N, C-alpha and C. Protein backbone atom coordinates (compact mmCIF):
# COMPACT_ATOMS: atom_id res chain seq x y z
N MET A 1 114.35 44.85 26.20
CA MET A 1 115.64 45.36 26.66
C MET A 1 116.30 46.15 25.56
N HIS A 2 117.06 47.14 25.95
CA HIS A 2 117.88 47.90 25.02
C HIS A 2 119.30 47.91 25.57
N SER A 3 119.93 46.72 25.55
CA SER A 3 121.23 46.56 26.18
C SER A 3 122.29 47.39 25.48
N THR A 4 122.14 47.59 24.16
CA THR A 4 123.12 48.41 23.43
C THR A 4 123.10 49.83 23.95
N ASP A 5 121.91 50.39 24.17
CA ASP A 5 121.80 51.73 24.74
C ASP A 5 122.42 51.76 26.12
N ALA A 6 122.16 50.75 26.92
CA ALA A 6 122.70 50.71 28.28
C ALA A 6 124.22 50.66 28.24
N ALA A 7 124.78 49.83 27.35
CA ALA A 7 126.23 49.65 27.29
C ALA A 7 126.96 50.92 26.88
N ALA A 8 126.24 51.86 26.26
CA ALA A 8 126.86 53.12 25.86
C ALA A 8 127.04 54.07 27.04
N HIS A 9 126.39 53.76 28.16
CA HIS A 9 126.50 54.64 29.32
C HIS A 9 127.93 54.60 29.86
N PRO A 10 128.51 55.75 30.22
CA PRO A 10 129.91 55.75 30.66
C PRO A 10 130.19 54.93 31.90
N ARG A 11 129.17 54.66 32.71
CA ARG A 11 129.38 53.89 33.93
C ARG A 11 128.87 52.45 33.81
N TYR A 12 128.59 52.00 32.59
CA TYR A 12 127.99 50.68 32.41
C TYR A 12 128.86 49.58 33.02
N ASP A 13 130.13 49.54 32.67
CA ASP A 13 131.00 48.46 33.16
C ASP A 13 131.13 48.50 34.67
N ALA A 14 131.26 49.71 35.24
CA ALA A 14 131.38 49.84 36.69
C ALA A 14 130.10 49.39 37.38
N LEU A 15 128.95 49.77 36.81
CA LEU A 15 127.68 49.36 37.40
C LEU A 15 127.51 47.85 37.34
N LEU A 16 127.88 47.25 36.22
CA LEU A 16 127.74 45.81 36.09
C LEU A 16 128.62 45.08 37.10
N ALA A 17 129.84 45.57 37.27
CA ALA A 17 130.74 44.97 38.26
C ALA A 17 130.19 45.14 39.67
N GLU A 18 129.63 46.32 39.94
CA GLU A 18 129.04 46.60 41.26
C GLU A 18 127.88 45.65 41.54
N TRP A 19 127.04 45.45 40.52
CA TRP A 19 125.90 44.54 40.66
C TRP A 19 126.38 43.12 40.95
N CYS A 20 127.37 42.65 40.18
CA CYS A 20 127.84 41.27 40.36
C CYS A 20 128.39 41.06 41.77
N ASP A 21 129.17 42.02 42.27
CA ASP A 21 129.70 41.90 43.62
C ASP A 21 128.56 41.87 44.66
N LEU A 22 127.58 42.74 44.46
CA LEU A 22 126.45 42.81 45.39
C LEU A 22 125.67 41.51 45.42
N LEU A 23 125.35 40.97 44.25
CA LEU A 23 124.55 39.76 44.20
C LEU A 23 125.29 38.59 44.83
N VAL A 24 126.57 38.47 44.55
CA VAL A 24 127.34 37.37 45.14
C VAL A 24 127.36 37.48 46.67
N ARG A 25 127.50 38.70 47.19
CA ARG A 25 127.48 38.90 48.64
C ARG A 25 126.14 38.51 49.24
N CYS A 26 125.05 38.70 48.49
CA CYS A 26 123.71 38.54 49.04
C CYS A 26 123.13 37.14 48.85
N ARG A 27 123.86 36.28 48.17
CA ARG A 27 123.36 34.92 47.98
C ARG A 27 123.47 34.10 49.25
N VAL A 28 122.69 33.03 49.30
CA VAL A 28 122.79 32.08 50.41
C VAL A 28 122.94 30.68 49.84
N ARG A 29 123.53 29.82 50.65
CA ARG A 29 123.57 28.40 50.29
C ARG A 29 122.47 27.67 51.05
N ALA A 30 122.12 26.51 50.60
CA ALA A 30 121.11 25.72 51.29
C ALA A 30 121.54 25.49 52.73
N ALA A 31 120.62 25.69 53.65
CA ALA A 31 120.94 25.55 55.08
C ALA A 31 119.85 24.74 55.75
N ASP A 32 120.09 24.41 56.99
CA ASP A 32 119.08 23.74 57.80
C ASP A 32 117.83 24.62 57.81
N PRO A 33 116.65 24.05 57.47
CA PRO A 33 115.43 24.87 57.41
C PRO A 33 115.15 25.61 58.71
N ALA A 34 115.62 25.07 59.82
CA ALA A 34 115.36 25.73 61.11
C ALA A 34 116.41 26.79 61.43
N GLY A 35 117.49 26.80 60.64
CA GLY A 35 118.59 27.72 60.95
C GLY A 35 118.57 28.94 60.07
N PRO A 36 119.50 29.87 60.33
CA PRO A 36 119.56 31.10 59.56
C PRO A 36 120.13 30.86 58.17
N ASP A 37 119.88 31.81 57.26
CA ASP A 37 120.52 31.74 55.96
C ASP A 37 122.04 31.84 56.15
N GLN A 38 122.77 31.12 55.33
CA GLN A 38 124.23 31.14 55.39
C GLN A 38 124.77 31.82 54.13
N PRO A 39 125.91 32.53 54.24
CA PRO A 39 126.49 33.14 53.04
C PRO A 39 126.82 32.09 52.00
N ALA A 40 126.70 32.47 50.75
CA ALA A 40 127.02 31.55 49.66
C ALA A 40 128.52 31.29 49.63
N GLU A 41 128.89 30.10 49.20
CA GLU A 41 130.30 29.76 49.04
C GLU A 41 130.50 29.33 47.59
N GLY A 42 130.44 30.30 46.67
CA GLY A 42 130.61 29.98 45.27
C GLY A 42 129.35 29.38 44.69
N GLY A 43 129.40 29.09 43.40
CA GLY A 43 128.27 28.48 42.73
C GLY A 43 127.14 29.46 42.51
N GLY A 44 125.99 28.96 42.06
CA GLY A 44 124.85 29.82 41.77
C GLY A 44 124.93 30.33 40.35
N PRO A 45 123.82 30.88 39.85
CA PRO A 45 123.80 31.39 38.49
C PRO A 45 124.80 32.54 38.31
N ASP A 46 125.29 32.68 37.11
CA ASP A 46 126.17 33.79 36.76
C ASP A 46 125.43 35.10 37.02
N PRO A 47 125.97 36.00 37.85
CA PRO A 47 125.24 37.25 38.14
C PRO A 47 125.20 38.22 36.97
N ARG A 48 126.09 38.05 36.00
CA ARG A 48 126.22 39.04 34.94
C ARG A 48 124.95 39.20 34.09
N PRO A 49 124.31 38.09 33.63
CA PRO A 49 123.09 38.27 32.83
C PRO A 49 121.99 39.00 33.58
N TYR A 50 121.90 38.80 34.89
CA TYR A 50 120.90 39.53 35.67
C TYR A 50 121.20 41.03 35.63
N GLY A 51 122.46 41.37 35.80
CA GLY A 51 122.84 42.78 35.75
C GLY A 51 122.61 43.39 34.38
N GLU A 52 122.91 42.64 33.34
CA GLU A 52 122.70 43.15 31.98
C GLU A 52 121.21 43.39 31.72
N GLU A 53 120.38 42.49 32.22
CA GLU A 53 118.92 42.66 32.07
C GLU A 53 118.44 43.91 32.80
N LEU A 54 118.91 44.10 34.04
CA LEU A 54 118.50 45.28 34.80
C LEU A 54 118.95 46.56 34.11
N LEU A 55 120.21 46.61 33.72
CA LEU A 55 120.73 47.82 33.09
C LEU A 55 120.02 48.11 31.77
N GLY A 56 119.69 47.06 31.04
CA GLY A 56 118.92 47.25 29.81
C GLY A 56 117.56 47.86 30.07
N ARG A 57 116.91 47.40 31.13
CA ARG A 57 115.60 47.98 31.48
C ARG A 57 115.73 49.45 31.86
N TRP A 58 116.77 49.79 32.62
CA TRP A 58 116.96 51.19 33.02
C TRP A 58 117.28 52.11 31.84
N ALA A 59 117.64 51.52 30.70
CA ALA A 59 117.98 52.33 29.52
C ALA A 59 116.86 52.34 28.47
N GLU A 60 115.66 51.91 28.83
CA GLU A 60 114.56 51.87 27.87
C GLU A 60 114.23 53.27 27.34
N PRO A 61 113.75 53.36 26.09
CA PRO A 61 113.61 54.68 25.44
C PRO A 61 112.51 55.57 25.99
N GLN A 62 111.56 55.03 26.73
CA GLN A 62 110.48 55.88 27.26
C GLN A 62 110.93 56.68 28.48
N ARG A 63 112.11 56.41 28.97
CA ARG A 63 112.61 57.06 30.18
C ARG A 63 113.31 58.37 29.85
N ARG A 64 113.04 59.39 30.67
CA ARG A 64 113.76 60.66 30.56
C ARG A 64 114.38 61.05 31.90
N TYR A 65 113.68 60.76 32.98
CA TYR A 65 114.24 60.97 34.31
C TYR A 65 114.63 59.64 34.96
N HIS A 66 113.78 58.63 34.86
CA HIS A 66 114.02 57.34 35.52
C HIS A 66 115.00 56.51 34.69
N THR A 67 116.20 57.02 34.54
CA THR A 67 117.22 56.48 33.66
C THR A 67 118.36 55.85 34.45
N LEU A 68 119.38 55.40 33.71
CA LEU A 68 120.58 54.90 34.37
C LEU A 68 121.22 55.97 35.25
N ASP A 69 121.12 57.23 34.86
CA ASP A 69 121.66 58.30 35.70
C ASP A 69 120.94 58.37 37.04
N HIS A 70 119.63 58.13 37.02
CA HIS A 70 118.87 58.10 38.28
C HIS A 70 119.32 56.93 39.14
N LEU A 71 119.50 55.76 38.52
CA LEU A 71 120.00 54.60 39.27
C LEU A 71 121.34 54.93 39.92
N VAL A 72 122.25 55.52 39.15
CA VAL A 72 123.57 55.89 39.68
C VAL A 72 123.41 56.84 40.87
N ALA A 73 122.53 57.82 40.73
CA ALA A 73 122.34 58.82 41.78
C ALA A 73 121.79 58.18 43.05
N VAL A 74 120.81 57.30 42.92
CA VAL A 74 120.20 56.67 44.10
C VAL A 74 121.21 55.75 44.79
N LEU A 75 121.96 54.98 44.01
CA LEU A 75 122.98 54.13 44.61
C LEU A 75 124.02 54.97 45.34
N SER A 76 124.40 56.09 44.75
CA SER A 76 125.40 56.97 45.37
C SER A 76 124.87 57.57 46.67
N ARG A 77 123.62 58.04 46.65
CA ARG A 77 123.04 58.62 47.87
C ARG A 77 122.86 57.56 48.95
N ALA A 78 122.48 56.34 48.55
CA ALA A 78 122.34 55.27 49.54
C ALA A 78 123.68 54.96 50.19
N THR A 79 124.75 55.00 49.41
CA THR A 79 126.08 54.81 49.97
C THR A 79 126.42 55.94 50.94
N GLU A 80 126.03 57.17 50.57
CA GLU A 80 126.25 58.33 51.43
C GLU A 80 125.54 58.17 52.78
N LEU A 81 124.43 57.44 52.77
CA LEU A 81 123.62 57.26 53.97
C LEU A 81 123.83 55.91 54.64
N THR A 82 124.89 55.20 54.25
CA THR A 82 125.12 53.83 54.73
C THR A 82 125.07 53.72 56.25
N ALA A 83 125.59 54.71 56.95
CA ALA A 83 125.65 54.63 58.41
C ALA A 83 124.28 54.50 59.05
N TYR A 84 123.22 54.91 58.35
CA TYR A 84 121.87 54.88 58.91
C TYR A 84 121.12 53.59 58.57
N ALA A 85 121.66 52.77 57.67
CA ALA A 85 120.95 51.57 57.21
C ALA A 85 121.17 50.41 58.17
N ALA A 86 120.15 49.59 58.34
CA ALA A 86 120.30 48.35 59.10
C ALA A 86 121.02 47.31 58.25
N ASP A 87 120.73 47.28 56.96
CA ASP A 87 121.33 46.30 56.04
C ASP A 87 121.61 47.01 54.72
N PRO A 88 122.79 47.62 54.57
CA PRO A 88 123.09 48.39 53.36
C PRO A 88 122.98 47.59 52.07
N ASP A 89 123.33 46.30 52.09
CA ASP A 89 123.23 45.51 50.86
C ASP A 89 121.79 45.31 50.42
N THR A 90 120.89 45.14 51.38
CA THR A 90 119.48 45.00 51.03
C THR A 90 118.96 46.32 50.45
N VAL A 91 119.37 47.44 51.02
CA VAL A 91 118.99 48.74 50.46
C VAL A 91 119.52 48.87 49.04
N ALA A 92 120.75 48.44 48.81
CA ALA A 92 121.33 48.54 47.47
C ALA A 92 120.55 47.69 46.47
N LEU A 93 120.19 46.47 46.87
CA LEU A 93 119.36 45.64 45.97
C LEU A 93 118.04 46.34 45.66
N ALA A 94 117.42 46.93 46.67
CA ALA A 94 116.15 47.63 46.45
C ALA A 94 116.35 48.82 45.52
N ALA A 95 117.47 49.52 45.64
CA ALA A 95 117.75 50.63 44.74
C ALA A 95 117.83 50.15 43.29
N TRP A 96 118.48 49.04 43.07
CA TRP A 96 118.58 48.49 41.72
C TRP A 96 117.21 48.16 41.13
N PHE A 97 116.28 47.73 41.96
CA PHE A 97 114.98 47.29 41.45
C PHE A 97 113.88 48.35 41.56
N HIS A 98 114.09 49.47 42.24
CA HIS A 98 112.96 50.30 42.65
C HIS A 98 112.20 50.94 41.48
N ASP A 99 112.84 51.19 40.37
CA ASP A 99 112.14 51.69 39.17
C ASP A 99 112.49 50.84 37.95
N VAL A 100 112.83 49.57 38.17
CA VAL A 100 113.29 48.77 37.05
C VAL A 100 112.17 48.52 36.05
N VAL A 101 110.93 48.48 36.50
CA VAL A 101 109.77 48.49 35.61
C VAL A 101 109.21 49.90 35.64
N TYR A 102 109.24 50.57 34.50
CA TYR A 102 108.76 51.95 34.49
C TYR A 102 108.07 52.27 33.17
N ARG A 103 106.77 52.46 33.27
CA ARG A 103 105.95 52.94 32.15
C ARG A 103 105.18 54.15 32.64
N PRO A 104 105.44 55.33 32.11
CA PRO A 104 104.78 56.53 32.64
C PRO A 104 103.27 56.52 32.50
N ASP A 105 102.75 55.66 31.62
CA ASP A 105 101.30 55.60 31.44
C ASP A 105 100.64 54.53 32.31
N ARG A 106 101.43 53.93 33.22
CA ARG A 106 100.89 52.89 34.09
C ARG A 106 101.04 53.32 35.54
N SER A 107 100.17 52.82 36.40
CA SER A 107 100.18 53.23 37.80
C SER A 107 100.76 52.16 38.73
N GLU A 108 101.09 50.99 38.18
CA GLU A 108 101.52 49.90 39.06
C GLU A 108 103.02 49.60 38.91
N ASN A 109 103.82 50.62 38.60
CA ASN A 109 105.24 50.40 38.36
C ASN A 109 105.96 49.84 39.58
N GLU A 110 105.67 50.39 40.76
CA GLU A 110 106.33 49.91 41.96
C GLU A 110 105.97 48.45 42.25
N GLU A 111 104.72 48.11 42.10
CA GLU A 111 104.29 46.74 42.34
C GLU A 111 104.94 45.78 41.34
N ARG A 112 104.99 46.16 40.09
CA ARG A 112 105.60 45.30 39.07
C ARG A 112 107.11 45.20 39.28
N SER A 113 107.73 46.29 39.72
CA SER A 113 109.16 46.25 40.02
C SER A 113 109.44 45.31 41.19
N ALA A 114 108.59 45.38 42.23
CA ALA A 114 108.76 44.51 43.39
C ALA A 114 108.57 43.04 43.00
N ALA A 115 107.58 42.77 42.16
CA ALA A 115 107.33 41.39 41.74
C ALA A 115 108.50 40.85 40.91
N LEU A 116 109.08 41.70 40.07
CA LEU A 116 110.25 41.28 39.30
C LEU A 116 111.42 41.00 40.23
N ALA A 117 111.61 41.85 41.25
CA ALA A 117 112.68 41.61 42.23
C ALA A 117 112.49 40.25 42.91
N GLU A 118 111.26 39.93 43.29
CA GLU A 118 111.00 38.66 43.96
C GLU A 118 111.37 37.48 43.07
N ARG A 119 110.95 37.54 41.81
CA ARG A 119 111.25 36.43 40.89
C ARG A 119 112.75 36.31 40.62
N ALA A 120 113.37 37.43 40.28
CA ALA A 120 114.77 37.40 39.86
C ALA A 120 115.70 37.04 41.01
N LEU A 121 115.48 37.61 42.18
CA LEU A 121 116.39 37.38 43.29
C LEU A 121 116.28 35.95 43.83
N ARG A 122 115.06 35.41 43.85
CA ARG A 122 114.91 34.00 44.25
C ARG A 122 115.69 33.10 43.28
N GLU A 123 115.50 33.35 42.00
CA GLU A 123 116.17 32.54 40.99
C GLU A 123 117.69 32.66 41.10
N ALA A 124 118.15 33.85 41.49
CA ALA A 124 119.59 34.11 41.56
C ALA A 124 120.22 33.60 42.85
N GLY A 125 119.42 33.08 43.79
CA GLY A 125 119.96 32.45 44.98
C GLY A 125 119.96 33.30 46.22
N VAL A 126 119.20 34.40 46.21
CA VAL A 126 119.10 35.24 47.40
C VAL A 126 118.08 34.63 48.36
N GLY A 127 118.36 34.72 49.66
CA GLY A 127 117.49 34.09 50.66
C GLY A 127 116.13 34.74 50.74
N GLU A 128 115.15 33.96 51.18
CA GLU A 128 113.76 34.40 51.16
C GLU A 128 113.52 35.64 52.02
N ALA A 129 114.15 35.71 53.18
CA ALA A 129 113.93 36.86 54.05
C ALA A 129 114.42 38.15 53.38
N ARG A 130 115.57 38.09 52.75
CA ARG A 130 116.10 39.27 52.08
C ARG A 130 115.26 39.62 50.85
N VAL A 131 114.82 38.62 50.11
CA VAL A 131 113.96 38.87 48.95
C VAL A 131 112.70 39.63 49.39
N ALA A 132 112.08 39.16 50.46
CA ALA A 132 110.85 39.81 50.95
C ALA A 132 111.13 41.25 51.37
N GLU A 133 112.28 41.48 52.00
CA GLU A 133 112.60 42.84 52.45
C GLU A 133 112.88 43.76 51.27
N VAL A 134 113.57 43.26 50.25
CA VAL A 134 113.80 44.07 49.05
C VAL A 134 112.47 44.46 48.42
N ALA A 135 111.57 43.51 48.28
CA ALA A 135 110.27 43.80 47.67
C ALA A 135 109.49 44.82 48.50
N ARG A 136 109.56 44.68 49.83
CA ARG A 136 108.88 45.65 50.69
C ARG A 136 109.43 47.06 50.48
N LEU A 137 110.74 47.16 50.41
CA LEU A 137 111.36 48.47 50.22
C LEU A 137 111.00 49.07 48.87
N VAL A 138 110.97 48.27 47.83
CA VAL A 138 110.58 48.76 46.51
C VAL A 138 109.16 49.30 46.55
N ARG A 139 108.26 48.57 47.16
CA ARG A 139 106.86 49.03 47.26
C ARG A 139 106.76 50.32 48.07
N LEU A 140 107.65 50.51 49.02
CA LEU A 140 107.63 51.70 49.86
C LEU A 140 107.89 52.98 49.06
N THR A 141 108.58 52.86 47.92
CA THR A 141 108.87 54.06 47.12
C THR A 141 107.62 54.61 46.43
N LEU A 142 106.50 53.93 46.56
CA LEU A 142 105.25 54.50 46.06
C LEU A 142 104.81 55.70 46.90
N THR A 143 105.02 55.60 48.22
CA THR A 143 104.56 56.66 49.12
C THR A 143 105.70 57.49 49.71
N HIS A 144 106.90 56.94 49.74
CA HIS A 144 108.04 57.60 50.39
C HIS A 144 107.69 57.98 51.84
N ASP A 145 106.99 57.11 52.52
CA ASP A 145 106.54 57.42 53.88
C ASP A 145 106.84 56.23 54.79
N PRO A 146 108.12 55.97 55.09
CA PRO A 146 108.46 54.82 55.94
C PRO A 146 107.99 55.01 57.36
N ALA A 147 107.73 53.90 58.03
CA ALA A 147 107.30 53.93 59.43
C ALA A 147 108.46 54.36 60.32
N GLU A 148 108.12 54.89 61.47
CA GLU A 148 109.14 55.27 62.45
C GLU A 148 110.02 54.06 62.77
N GLY A 149 111.33 54.25 62.69
CA GLY A 149 112.27 53.18 63.00
C GLY A 149 112.58 52.25 61.85
N ASP A 150 111.98 52.46 60.68
CA ASP A 150 112.27 51.64 59.50
C ASP A 150 113.55 52.18 58.85
N ARG A 151 114.69 51.78 59.38
CA ARG A 151 115.96 52.39 58.98
C ARG A 151 116.26 52.20 57.50
N ASP A 152 116.06 51.00 56.99
CA ASP A 152 116.35 50.77 55.57
C ASP A 152 115.36 51.51 54.67
N GLY A 153 114.11 51.57 55.09
CA GLY A 153 113.12 52.34 54.34
C GLY A 153 113.47 53.81 54.32
N GLU A 154 113.95 54.32 55.44
CA GLU A 154 114.33 55.72 55.51
C GLU A 154 115.49 56.02 54.56
N VAL A 155 116.47 55.14 54.53
CA VAL A 155 117.63 55.36 53.67
C VAL A 155 117.23 55.31 52.20
N LEU A 156 116.46 54.29 51.80
CA LEU A 156 116.08 54.19 50.39
C LEU A 156 115.23 55.39 49.96
N CYS A 157 114.25 55.76 50.78
CA CYS A 157 113.38 56.88 50.41
C CYS A 157 114.17 58.19 50.37
N ASP A 158 115.06 58.41 51.32
CA ASP A 158 115.89 59.62 51.29
C ASP A 158 116.76 59.65 50.03
N ALA A 159 117.35 58.50 49.69
CA ALA A 159 118.19 58.45 48.50
C ALA A 159 117.39 58.74 47.23
N ASP A 160 116.16 58.23 47.18
CA ASP A 160 115.32 58.42 46.01
C ASP A 160 114.85 59.87 45.87
N LEU A 161 114.61 60.53 47.01
CA LEU A 161 114.09 61.90 46.99
C LEU A 161 115.19 62.96 47.00
N ALA A 162 116.44 62.57 47.11
CA ALA A 162 117.53 63.55 47.21
C ALA A 162 117.58 64.48 46.01
N VAL A 163 117.09 64.04 44.86
CA VAL A 163 117.05 64.89 43.66
C VAL A 163 116.27 66.18 43.92
N LEU A 164 115.33 66.15 44.86
CA LEU A 164 114.52 67.33 45.14
C LEU A 164 115.34 68.45 45.75
N ALA A 165 116.53 68.13 46.25
CA ALA A 165 117.36 69.12 46.92
C ALA A 165 118.49 69.63 46.03
N GLY A 166 118.35 69.49 44.73
CA GLY A 166 119.36 69.99 43.82
C GLY A 166 119.39 71.51 43.78
N ASP A 167 120.46 72.06 43.18
CA ASP A 167 120.49 73.51 42.99
C ASP A 167 119.44 73.88 41.93
N PRO A 168 119.14 75.16 41.74
CA PRO A 168 118.05 75.53 40.84
C PRO A 168 118.16 74.92 39.44
N ALA A 169 119.36 74.89 38.88
CA ALA A 169 119.52 74.33 37.53
C ALA A 169 119.27 72.82 37.54
N GLU A 170 119.78 72.13 38.55
CA GLU A 170 119.58 70.69 38.64
C GLU A 170 118.10 70.36 38.83
N TYR A 171 117.44 71.13 39.68
CA TYR A 171 116.02 70.85 39.91
C TYR A 171 115.20 71.13 38.66
N ALA A 172 115.54 72.21 37.95
CA ALA A 172 114.83 72.53 36.70
C ALA A 172 115.00 71.41 35.68
N ALA A 173 116.22 70.86 35.59
CA ALA A 173 116.47 69.76 34.65
C ALA A 173 115.66 68.52 35.06
N TYR A 174 115.58 68.24 36.36
CA TYR A 174 114.77 67.13 36.86
C TYR A 174 113.30 67.32 36.49
N ALA A 175 112.76 68.52 36.78
CA ALA A 175 111.35 68.78 36.49
C ALA A 175 111.06 68.68 35.00
N ALA A 176 111.99 69.16 34.17
CA ALA A 176 111.80 69.09 32.72
C ALA A 176 111.82 67.65 32.24
N ALA A 177 112.70 66.81 32.82
CA ALA A 177 112.77 65.41 32.42
C ALA A 177 111.49 64.67 32.81
N VAL A 178 110.94 64.99 33.98
CA VAL A 178 109.67 64.38 34.38
C VAL A 178 108.57 64.77 33.39
N ARG A 179 108.55 66.04 32.99
CA ARG A 179 107.53 66.48 32.03
C ARG A 179 107.68 65.74 30.71
N GLU A 180 108.94 65.51 30.28
CA GLU A 180 109.17 64.78 29.03
C GLU A 180 108.63 63.36 29.11
N GLU A 181 108.80 62.72 30.25
CA GLU A 181 108.30 61.36 30.40
C GLU A 181 106.79 61.31 30.23
N TYR A 182 106.13 62.39 30.61
CA TYR A 182 104.68 62.46 30.50
C TYR A 182 104.26 63.35 29.33
N GLY A 183 105.06 63.32 28.27
CA GLY A 183 104.77 64.15 27.10
C GLY A 183 103.44 63.84 26.45
N PHE A 184 102.89 62.66 26.68
CA PHE A 184 101.60 62.27 26.11
C PHE A 184 100.43 62.88 26.87
N VAL A 185 100.68 63.51 28.01
CA VAL A 185 99.61 64.08 28.84
C VAL A 185 99.45 65.56 28.49
N PRO A 186 98.23 66.03 28.22
CA PRO A 186 98.02 67.45 27.92
C PRO A 186 98.49 68.34 29.07
N ASP A 187 98.90 69.56 28.74
CA ASP A 187 99.49 70.46 29.73
C ASP A 187 98.60 70.65 30.96
N GLU A 188 97.32 70.90 30.74
CA GLU A 188 96.43 71.18 31.86
C GLU A 188 96.33 69.99 32.80
N ASP A 189 96.22 68.79 32.22
CA ASP A 189 96.13 67.58 33.04
C ASP A 189 97.44 67.32 33.78
N PHE A 190 98.56 67.56 33.09
CA PHE A 190 99.85 67.34 33.73
C PHE A 190 100.02 68.29 34.91
N ARG A 191 99.70 69.56 34.71
CA ARG A 191 99.85 70.53 35.79
C ARG A 191 99.04 70.12 37.01
N ALA A 192 97.81 69.67 36.79
CA ALA A 192 96.96 69.27 37.91
C ALA A 192 97.53 68.05 38.64
N GLY A 193 97.95 67.05 37.88
CA GLY A 193 98.49 65.84 38.48
C GLY A 193 99.81 66.08 39.19
N ARG A 194 100.66 66.87 38.56
CA ARG A 194 101.96 67.17 39.18
C ARG A 194 101.76 68.00 40.45
N ALA A 195 100.86 68.95 40.41
CA ALA A 195 100.60 69.78 41.59
C ALA A 195 100.11 68.91 42.75
N ASP A 196 99.28 67.91 42.47
CA ASP A 196 98.81 67.02 43.52
C ASP A 196 99.97 66.27 44.18
N ILE A 197 100.92 65.81 43.35
CA ILE A 197 102.09 65.09 43.87
C ILE A 197 102.93 66.02 44.75
N LEU A 198 103.14 67.25 44.28
CA LEU A 198 103.95 68.20 45.05
C LEU A 198 103.28 68.52 46.39
N ARG A 199 101.96 68.70 46.37
CA ARG A 199 101.25 68.98 47.63
C ARG A 199 101.37 67.80 48.60
N ARG A 200 101.28 66.58 48.07
CA ARG A 200 101.41 65.40 48.93
C ARG A 200 102.79 65.35 49.57
N LEU A 201 103.82 65.64 48.80
CA LEU A 201 105.17 65.64 49.34
C LEU A 201 105.34 66.75 50.39
N LEU A 202 104.85 67.92 50.08
CA LEU A 202 104.98 69.03 51.02
C LEU A 202 104.20 68.80 52.30
N ALA A 203 103.16 67.97 52.24
CA ALA A 203 102.34 67.68 53.42
C ALA A 203 103.00 66.68 54.37
N LEU A 204 104.04 65.97 53.90
CA LEU A 204 104.73 65.04 54.78
C LEU A 204 105.40 65.82 55.92
N PRO A 205 105.34 65.30 57.15
CA PRO A 205 106.00 65.99 58.26
C PRO A 205 107.48 66.22 58.00
N ARG A 206 108.10 65.22 57.38
CA ARG A 206 109.51 65.31 56.98
C ARG A 206 109.65 64.65 55.62
N LEU A 207 110.30 65.33 54.67
CA LEU A 207 110.63 64.70 53.40
C LEU A 207 111.74 63.68 53.60
N PHE A 208 112.71 64.03 54.44
CA PHE A 208 113.89 63.19 54.66
C PHE A 208 113.91 62.72 56.11
N ARG A 209 114.05 61.41 56.29
CA ARG A 209 113.90 60.82 57.62
C ARG A 209 115.24 60.59 58.32
N THR A 210 116.32 60.40 57.58
CA THR A 210 117.60 60.26 58.25
C THR A 210 118.06 61.63 58.76
N PRO A 211 118.79 61.68 59.86
CA PRO A 211 119.30 62.97 60.34
C PRO A 211 120.14 63.68 59.28
N TYR A 212 120.97 62.94 58.58
CA TYR A 212 121.82 63.52 57.53
C TYR A 212 120.97 64.15 56.43
N GLY A 213 120.01 63.38 55.92
CA GLY A 213 119.16 63.89 54.84
C GLY A 213 118.35 65.10 55.28
N HIS A 214 117.81 65.03 56.49
CA HIS A 214 116.98 66.13 56.98
C HIS A 214 117.81 67.40 57.13
N ASP A 215 119.00 67.26 57.70
CA ASP A 215 119.83 68.44 57.94
C ASP A 215 120.31 69.08 56.64
N ARG A 216 120.65 68.27 55.64
CA ARG A 216 121.27 68.79 54.44
C ARG A 216 120.31 69.08 53.29
N TRP A 217 119.20 68.37 53.24
CA TRP A 217 118.35 68.43 52.05
C TRP A 217 116.95 68.99 52.27
N GLU A 218 116.44 68.94 53.49
CA GLU A 218 115.03 69.25 53.74
C GLU A 218 114.65 70.66 53.29
N ASP A 219 115.37 71.67 53.75
CA ASP A 219 114.97 73.05 53.47
C ASP A 219 115.05 73.36 51.97
N VAL A 220 116.13 72.93 51.35
CA VAL A 220 116.29 73.19 49.91
C VAL A 220 115.20 72.49 49.11
N ALA A 221 114.91 71.23 49.47
CA ALA A 221 113.89 70.48 48.74
C ALA A 221 112.52 71.14 48.87
N ARG A 222 112.17 71.56 50.07
CA ARG A 222 110.87 72.22 50.26
C ARG A 222 110.80 73.53 49.46
N ARG A 223 111.89 74.25 49.42
CA ARG A 223 111.90 75.48 48.63
C ARG A 223 111.72 75.17 47.14
N ASN A 224 112.41 74.14 46.64
CA ASN A 224 112.26 73.76 45.23
C ASN A 224 110.84 73.31 44.92
N LEU A 225 110.27 72.47 45.78
CA LEU A 225 108.90 71.99 45.56
C LEU A 225 107.91 73.14 45.59
N GLY A 226 108.08 74.05 46.55
CA GLY A 226 107.17 75.18 46.64
C GLY A 226 107.25 76.07 45.41
N THR A 227 108.46 76.30 44.91
CA THR A 227 108.63 77.12 43.72
C THR A 227 107.96 76.48 42.51
N GLU A 228 108.17 75.16 42.34
CA GLU A 228 107.54 74.48 41.22
C GLU A 228 106.02 74.53 41.33
N LEU A 229 105.51 74.34 42.53
CA LEU A 229 104.06 74.38 42.73
C LEU A 229 103.51 75.78 42.38
N GLU A 230 104.19 76.82 42.79
CA GLU A 230 103.76 78.18 42.45
C GLU A 230 103.72 78.38 40.94
N LEU A 231 104.72 77.88 40.24
CA LEU A 231 104.76 78.01 38.79
C LEU A 231 103.63 77.24 38.12
N LEU A 232 103.33 76.06 38.64
CA LEU A 232 102.26 75.26 38.08
C LEU A 232 100.89 75.93 38.29
N GLU A 233 100.75 76.61 39.41
CA GLU A 233 99.45 77.20 39.76
C GLU A 233 99.30 78.63 39.22
N ALA A 234 100.37 79.17 38.66
CA ALA A 234 100.30 80.56 38.16
C ALA A 234 99.34 80.67 36.99
């Protein structure tokens, strides 16, 4: 953890407060095994250390794009898309965990992030059904291809991909930050790998599954992806 780096972020205190409120809302108290989960009524572990651990992970030094700013952006976009979510709080928990484990030289980041969510949320008092759904949503960000009718998956994936619809300067900064994260990869190998990712995204029938995301972001994102792909292949 690099909690000192995290605490220097201008939104650190607000994010920590947001996390604490979210976790308290999502906890359950012991209930009849045959009955539904019940909202928590006080008690449970202090949510603050969990939030500090998460924020510290998001501030690790190997990150250039998958940073606290990315977490802020995804949480903000998920809020923007709240009307389309079946369970906005579960989407928010998944946003907090979706890149919490991030090593650019590893391929199992989503799986490790999901596993961490399962361990931490169970320990923190979140009900088993919600824990399983958070983990499922985190794993879904590997493909960004939710099934038809998966409302929470659609919201999380749209929020995560919204960066693709930035203006030219914002998109260039995003692409440059991704390249920095993979600074250990030779240029030729990076271009080939990145081009494969862009082609996979462009091959999706829809990048954005919510009506809001599709209407506002789809065309711009496809134009940005196509431009980057042309530059990589030049």
